[in-house]
Amino acid sequence: MLDRQGRVQTWNAGAELIKGYAPQEIVGRKSDVFYTAEDRTRRHAESLLARAARDGRVEEEGWRVRKNGQRFWADIVITARVNPSGQVVGYTKVTRDLSERREAEAQRRRRDEDLLRSEERFRLLVDAVKDHSIVMLDPSGHVATWNGGAERLSGYRADEIVGQHHARFRLEED
C-alpha cells in the first residue's frame, strides 16, 4: 500500500522476495526507489500515480530495480484507494516479476531467428547446386521445392512442377 504521495505504507513477504527490501528498510520511503534512474528523472512513478488517481487504475510493464541494483522486468498494477467522498487516500500497488517469462520469450525469438537464418543458408546452398536435382516432397508425395539443378536436368521450371505429384516423373508402366 502507498499513501497519496507514493510512500510505502505496508510491505508483504512477496514484495520483500521480489524487491529485496525488509519492511523496516522500505516502509515510509517513496516508491520511486523501485524505478530506473531514467524513470526517476522523468518522474514516471508520480505520473503513474496521477493516472491511477484520474482513471482509478493503471497497469504497465517495464524495468524496475531491486535493492541490490539489479533490474527486473515487471508488470505493475496501481489502483487508487478512495474514501466515501471519492477522494484518493492512497494506492494499492501490485508488482509481478516477469523476468523469467521475458527471458524465455527472448530465447524463443533468438531460436526462431537462428532457425530462419539456418533455413535461408540451406535454401541458398540447395539453390546453388546446378548439377544435381534436389527436390523435396511433402508427406503426400507432392513436389514442395525444386532447385536449379532439377530445372536444368528435367527441363521443368519450378512454377510448372511445384505442387505436382512425384508420380508425374514415372513412366506409365511404373
C-alpha atoms as a PDB file:
ATOM      1  CA  MET A   1       0.000   0.000   0.000  1.00  0.00           C
ATOM      2  CA  LEU A   2       1.136   3.525  -0.799  1.00  0.00           C
ATOM      3  CA  ASP A   3      -0.007   6.816   0.660  1.00  0.00           C
ATOM      4  CA  ARG A   4      -1.157   9.737  -1.526  1.00  0.00           C
ATOM      5  CA  GLN A   5       2.445  10.857  -2.095  1.00  0.00           C
ATOM      6  CA  GLY A   6       3.593   7.379  -3.127  1.00  0.00           C
ATOM      7  CA  ARG A   7       5.344   6.449   0.123  1.00  0.00           C
ATOM      8  CA  VAL A   8       5.255   2.772   1.062  1.00  0.00           C
ATOM      9  CA  GLN A   9       2.805   2.150   3.918  1.00  0.00           C
ATOM     10  CA  THR A  10       2.688  -1.654   4.054  1.00  0.00           C
ATOM     11  CA  TRP A  11       5.073  -4.318   2.818  1.00  0.00           C
ATOM     12  CA  ASN A  12       4.487  -8.059   2.472  1.00  0.00           C
ATOM     13  CA  ALA A  13       6.714 -11.127   2.088  1.00  0.00           C
ATOM     14  CA  GLY A  14       6.122 -11.229  -1.687  1.00  0.00           C
ATOM     15  CA  ALA A  15       7.337  -7.659  -2.087  1.00  0.00           C
ATOM     16  CA  GLU A  16      10.380  -8.452   0.026  1.00  0.00           C
ATOM     17  CA  LEU A  17      11.146 -11.513  -2.099  1.00  0.00           C
ATOM     18  CA  ILE A  18      10.834  -9.640  -5.395  1.00  0.00           C
ATOM     19  CA  LYS A  19      12.496  -6.368  -4.442  1.00  0.00           C
ATOM     20  CA  GLY A  20      14.877  -7.389  -1.648  1.00  0.00           C
ATOM     21  CA  TYR A  21      13.900  -4.811   0.977  1.00  0.00           C
ATOM     22  CA  ALA A  22      12.925  -5.808   4.505  1.00  0.00           C
ATOM     23  CA  PRO A  23       9.841  -3.920   5.764  1.00  0.00           C
ATOM     24  CA  GLN A  24      11.868  -1.713   8.122  1.00  0.00           C
ATOM     25  CA  GLU A  25      14.086  -0.640   5.183  1.00  0.00           C
ATOM     26  CA  ILE A  26      11.293   0.455   2.872  1.00  0.00           C
ATOM     27  CA  VAL A  27       8.170   1.487   4.801  1.00  0.00           C
ATOM     28  CA  GLY A  28       7.949   5.294   4.689  1.00  0.00           C
ATOM     29  CA  ARG A  29      10.177   5.639   1.597  1.00  0.00           C
ATOM     30  CA  LYS A  30       8.905   6.842  -1.754  1.00  0.00           C
ATOM     31  CA  SER A  31       8.118   4.078  -4.215  1.00  0.00           C
ATOM     32  CA  ASP A  32      10.241   5.695  -6.918  1.00  0.00           C
ATOM     33  CA  VAL A  33      13.233   3.797  -5.455  1.00  0.00           C
ATOM     34  CA  PHE A  34      11.982   0.815  -7.499  1.00  0.00           C
ATOM     35  CA  TYR A  35      12.307   2.728 -10.774  1.00  0.00           C
ATOM     36  CA  THR A  36      15.327   3.153 -13.016  1.00  0.00           C
ATOM     37  CA  ALA A  37      17.349   6.367 -12.882  1.00  0.00           C
ATOM     38  CA  GLU A  38      15.856   7.380 -16.224  1.00  0.00           C
ATOM     39  CA  ASP A  39      12.332   6.861 -14.912  1.00  0.00           C
ATOM     40  CA  ARG A  40      13.107   8.816 -11.753  1.00  0.00           C
ATOM     41  CA  THR A  41      14.453  11.696 -13.839  1.00  0.00           C
ATOM     42  CA  ARG A  42      11.230  11.882 -15.828  1.00  0.00           C
ATOM     43  CA  ARG A  43       9.156  11.394 -12.648  1.00  0.00           C
ATOM     44  CA  HIS A  44       7.486   8.284 -14.045  1.00  0.00           C
ATOM     45  CA  ALA A  45       6.326   6.955 -10.658  1.00  0.00           C
ATOM     46  CA  GLU A  46       4.461  10.201  -9.980  1.00  0.00           C
ATOM     47  CA  SER A  47       2.959  10.092 -13.472  1.00  0.00           C
ATOM     48  CA  LEU A  48       1.602   6.596 -12.866  1.00  0.00           C
ATOM     49  CA  LEU A  49       0.078   7.654  -9.542  1.00  0.00           C
ATOM     50  CA  ALA A  50      -1.589  10.626 -11.243  1.00  0.00           C
ATOM     51  CA  ARG A  51      -3.023   8.348 -13.935  1.00  0.00           C
ATOM     52  CA  ALA A  52      -4.312   5.917 -11.295  1.00  0.00           C
ATOM     53  CA  ALA A  53      -5.915   8.836  -9.406  1.00  0.00           C
ATOM     54  CA  ARG A  54      -7.556  10.076 -12.605  1.00  0.00           C
ATOM     55  CA  ASP A  55      -8.588   6.695 -14.085  1.00  0.00           C
ATOM     56  CA  GLY A  56      -8.900   4.590 -10.938  1.00  0.00           C
ATOM     57  CA  ARG A  57      -6.270   2.125 -12.096  1.00  0.00           C
ATOM     58  CA  VAL A  58      -3.142   1.929 -14.231  1.00  0.00           C
ATOM     59  CA  GLU A  59      -1.138  -1.073 -15.434  1.00  0.00           C
ATOM     60  CA  GLU A  60       2.164  -1.275 -17.267  1.00  0.00           C
ATOM     61  CA  GLU A  61       5.157  -3.480 -17.889  1.00  0.00           C
ATOM     62  CA  GLY A  62       8.645  -2.085 -17.555  1.00  0.00           C
ATOM     63  CA  TRP A  63      12.004  -2.210 -15.857  1.00  0.00           C
ATOM     64  CA  ARG A  64      12.124  -1.942 -12.094  1.00  0.00           C
ATOM     65  CA  VAL A  65      15.095  -2.051  -9.734  1.00  0.00           C
ATOM     66  CA  ARG A  66      15.759  -4.349  -6.784  1.00  0.00           C
ATOM     67  CA  LYS A  67      17.523  -3.247  -3.606  1.00  0.00           C
ATOM     68  CA  ASN A  68      20.802  -4.686  -4.929  1.00  0.00           C
ATOM     69  CA  GLY A  69      20.517  -2.541  -8.090  1.00  0.00           C
ATOM     70  CA  GLN A  70      19.572  -5.434 -10.351  1.00  0.00           C
ATOM     71  CA  ARG A  71      16.939  -4.574 -12.935  1.00  0.00           C
ATOM     72  CA  PHE A  72      13.968  -6.865 -13.481  1.00  0.00           C
ATOM     73  CA  TRP A  73      11.019  -6.819 -15.873  1.00  0.00           C
ATOM     74  CA  ALA A  74       7.779  -6.245 -14.007  1.00  0.00           C
ATOM     75  CA  ASP A  75       4.066  -5.927 -14.516  1.00  0.00           C
ATOM     76  CA  ILE A  76       2.661  -3.372 -12.115  1.00  0.00           C
ATOM     77  CA  VAL A  77      -0.923  -2.501 -11.295  1.00  0.00           C
ATOM     78  CA  ILE A  78      -1.663   0.625  -9.286  1.00  0.00           C
ATOM     79  CA  THR A  79      -5.218   1.100  -8.047  1.00  0.00           C
ATOM     80  CA  ALA A  80      -6.390   4.289  -6.364  1.00  0.00           C
ATOM     81  CA  ARG A  81      -7.979   3.874  -2.935  1.00  0.00           C
ATOM     82  CA  VAL A  82     -10.744   6.391  -2.363  1.00  0.00           C
ATOM     83  CA  ASN A  83     -12.698   7.430   0.710  1.00  0.00           C
ATOM     84  CA  PRO A  84     -16.528   7.536   0.770  1.00  0.00           C
ATOM     85  CA  SER A  85     -16.489  11.063  -0.674  1.00  0.00           C
ATOM     86  CA  GLY A  86     -14.394   9.909  -3.646  1.00  0.00           C
ATOM     87  CA  GLN A  87     -11.070  11.492  -2.650  1.00  0.00           C
ATOM     88  CA  VAL A  88      -7.904   9.488  -3.266  1.00  0.00           C
ATOM     89  CA  VAL A  89      -6.419   8.465   0.089  1.00  0.00           C
ATOM     90  CA  GLY A  90      -3.682   6.194  -1.232  1.00  0.00           C
ATOM     91  CA  TYR A  91      -2.900   3.413  -3.638  1.00  0.00           C
ATOM     92  CA  THR A  92      -2.657  -0.321  -3.803  1.00  0.00           C
ATOM     93  CA  LYS A  93       0.318  -1.424  -5.870  1.00  0.00           C
ATOM     94  CA  VAL A  94       0.852  -4.984  -7.089  1.00  0.00           C
ATOM     95  CA  THR A  95       4.129  -5.947  -8.732  1.00  0.00           C
ATOM     96  CA  ARG A  96       4.717  -9.189 -10.591  1.00  0.00           C
ATOM     97  CA  ASP A  97       8.248 -10.195 -11.603  1.00  0.00           C
ATOM     98  CA  LEU A  98       8.073 -11.205 -15.263  1.00  0.00           C
ATOM     99  CA  SER A  99      11.830 -11.587 -15.755  1.00  0.00           C
ATOM    100  CA  GLU A 100      11.723 -15.343 -16.390  1.00  0.00           C
ATOM    101  CA  ARG A 101       8.876 -15.010 -18.883  1.00  0.00           C
ATOM    102  CA  ARG A 102      10.635 -12.156 -20.685  1.00  0.00           C
ATOM    103  CA  GLU A 103      13.872 -14.165 -20.869  1.00  0.00           C
ATOM    104  CA  ALA A 104      12.012 -17.231 -22.170  1.00  0.00           C
ATOM    105  CA  GLU A 105      10.396 -15.067 -24.857  1.00  0.00           C
ATOM    106  CA  ALA A 106      13.788 -13.607 -25.790  1.00  0.00           C
ATOM    107  CA  GLN A 107      15.284 -17.109 -26.048  1.00  0.00           C
ATOM    108  CA  ARG A 108      12.363 -18.218 -28.232  1.00  0.00           C
ATOM    109  CA  ARG A 109      12.886 -15.204 -30.525  1.00  0.00           C
ATOM    110  CA  ARG A 110      16.613 -15.976 -30.765  1.00  0.00           C
ATOM    111  CA  ARG A 111      15.866 -19.630 -31.615  1.00  0.00           C
ATOM    112  CA  ASP A 112      13.341 -18.555 -34.244  1.00  0.00           C
ATOM    113  CA  GLU A 113      15.851 -16.112 -35.762  1.00  0.00           C
ATOM    114  CA  ASP A 114      18.567 -18.802 -35.743  1.00  0.00           C
ATOM    115  CA  LEU A 115      16.188 -21.241 -37.434  1.00  0.00           C
ATOM    116  CA  LEU A 116      15.278 -18.692 -40.112  1.00  0.00           C
ATOM    117  CA  ARG A 117      18.969 -17.981 -40.790  1.00  0.00           C
ATOM    118  CA  SER A 118      19.691 -21.716 -40.964  1.00  0.00           C
ATOM    119  CA  GLU A 119      16.792 -22.296 -43.350  1.00  0.00           C
ATOM    120  CA  GLU A 120      17.954 -19.415 -45.541  1.00  0.00           C
ATOM    121  CA  ARG A 121      21.524 -20.782 -45.672  1.00  0.00           C
ATOM    122  CA  PHE A 122      20.174 -24.227 -46.573  1.00  0.00           C
ATOM    123  CA  ARG A 123      17.936 -22.738 -49.288  1.00  0.00           C
ATOM    124  CA  LEU A 124      20.873 -20.800 -50.749  1.00  0.00           C
ATOM    125  CA  LEU A 125      23.023 -23.938 -50.720  1.00  0.00           C
ATOM    126  CA  VAL A 126      20.374 -26.052 -52.450  1.00  0.00           C
ATOM    127  CA  ASP A 127      19.615 -23.327 -54.991  1.00  0.00           C
ATOM    128  CA  ALA A 128      23.310 -23.044 -55.853  1.00  0.00           C
ATOM    129  CA  VAL A 129      23.572 -26.738 -56.829  1.00  0.00           C
ATOM    130  CA  LYS A 130      23.209 -26.917 -60.621  1.00  0.00           C
ATOM    131  CA  ASP A 131      24.491 -30.403 -61.472  1.00  0.00           C
ATOM    132  CA  HIS A 132      22.145 -32.368 -59.200  1.00  0.00           C
ATOM    133  CA  SER A 133      18.399 -32.403 -58.913  1.00  0.00           C
ATOM    134  CA  ILE A 134      17.411 -31.691 -55.325  1.00  0.00           C
ATOM    135  CA  VAL A 135      13.682 -31.980 -54.747  1.00  0.00           C
ATOM    136  CA  MET A 136      11.691 -32.009 -51.543  1.00  0.00           C
ATOM    137  CA  LEU A 137       8.336 -33.775 -51.396  1.00  0.00           C
ATOM    138  CA  ASP A 138       5.563 -33.091 -48.906  1.00  0.00           C
ATOM    139  CA  PRO A 139       4.141 -36.023 -46.897  1.00  0.00           C
ATOM    140  CA  SER A 140       1.605 -36.816 -49.642  1.00  0.00           C
ATOM    141  CA  GLY A 141       4.271 -37.037 -52.358  1.00  0.00           C
ATOM    142  CA  HIS A 142       3.773 -33.630 -53.970  1.00  0.00           C
ATOM    143  CA  VAL A 143       6.780 -31.540 -55.014  1.00  0.00           C
ATOM    144  CA  ALA A 144       7.430 -28.853 -52.389  1.00  0.00           C
ATOM    145  CA  THR A 145      10.789 -27.499 -53.606  1.00  0.00           C
ATOM    146  CA  TRP A 146      12.583 -27.591 -56.935  1.00  0.00           C
ATOM    147  CA  ASN A 147      16.162 -26.400 -57.282  1.00  0.00           C
ATOM    148  CA  GLY A 148      18.042 -25.034 -60.293  1.00  0.00           C
ATOM    149  CA  GLY A 149      19.665 -28.431 -60.905  1.00  0.00           C
ATOM    150  CA  ALA A 150      16.238 -30.079 -61.122  1.00  0.00           C
ATOM    151  CA  GLU A 151      15.162 -27.439 -63.614  1.00  0.00           C
ATOM    152  CA  ARG A 152      18.314 -27.840 -65.726  1.00  0.00           C
ATOM    153  CA  LEU A 153      18.188 -31.649 -65.719  1.00  0.00           C
ATOM    154  CA  SER A 154      14.427 -32.091 -66.213  1.00  0.00           C
ATOM    155  CA  GLY A 155      13.501 -29.063 -68.264  1.00  0.00           C
ATOM    156  CA  TYR A 156      10.664 -28.137 -65.891  1.00  0.00           C
ATOM    157  CA  ARG A 157      10.649 -24.719 -64.240  1.00  0.00           C
ATOM    158  CA  ALA A 158       9.750 -24.645 -60.533  1.00  0.00           C
ATOM    159  CA  ASP A 159       6.458 -22.836 -61.228  1.00  0.00           C
ATOM    160  CA  GLU A 160       5.458 -25.696 -63.580  1.00  0.00           C
ATOM    161  CA  ILE A 161       6.168 -28.535 -61.189  1.00  0.00           C
ATOM    162  CA  VAL A 162       5.849 -27.417 -57.545  1.00  0.00           C
ATOM    163  CA  GLY A 163       2.590 -28.852 -56.223  1.00  0.00           C
ATOM    164  CA  GLN A 164       2.557 -31.729 -58.753  1.00  0.00           C
ATOM    165  CA  HIS A 165       2.683 -35.333 -57.530  1.00  0.00           C
ATOM    166  CA  HIS A 166       6.048 -37.088 -57.933  1.00  0.00           C
ATOM    167  CA  ALA A 167       4.335 -39.848 -59.979  1.00  0.00           C
ATOM    168  CA  ARG A 168       4.448 -37.392 -62.891  1.00  0.00           C
ATOM    169  CA  PHE A 169       8.111 -38.369 -63.314  1.00  0.00           C
ATOM    170  CA  ARG A 170       7.425 -42.093 -63.597  1.00  0.00           C
ATOM    171  CA  LEU A 171       6.860 -43.987 -66.779  1.00  0.00           C
ATOM    172  CA  GLU A 172       3.306 -45.180 -67.418  1.00  0.00           C
ATOM    173  CA  GLU A 173       4.299 -48.801 -66.761  1.00  0.00           C
ATOM    174  CA  ASP A 174       5.941 -47.869 -63.424  1.00  0.00           C
END
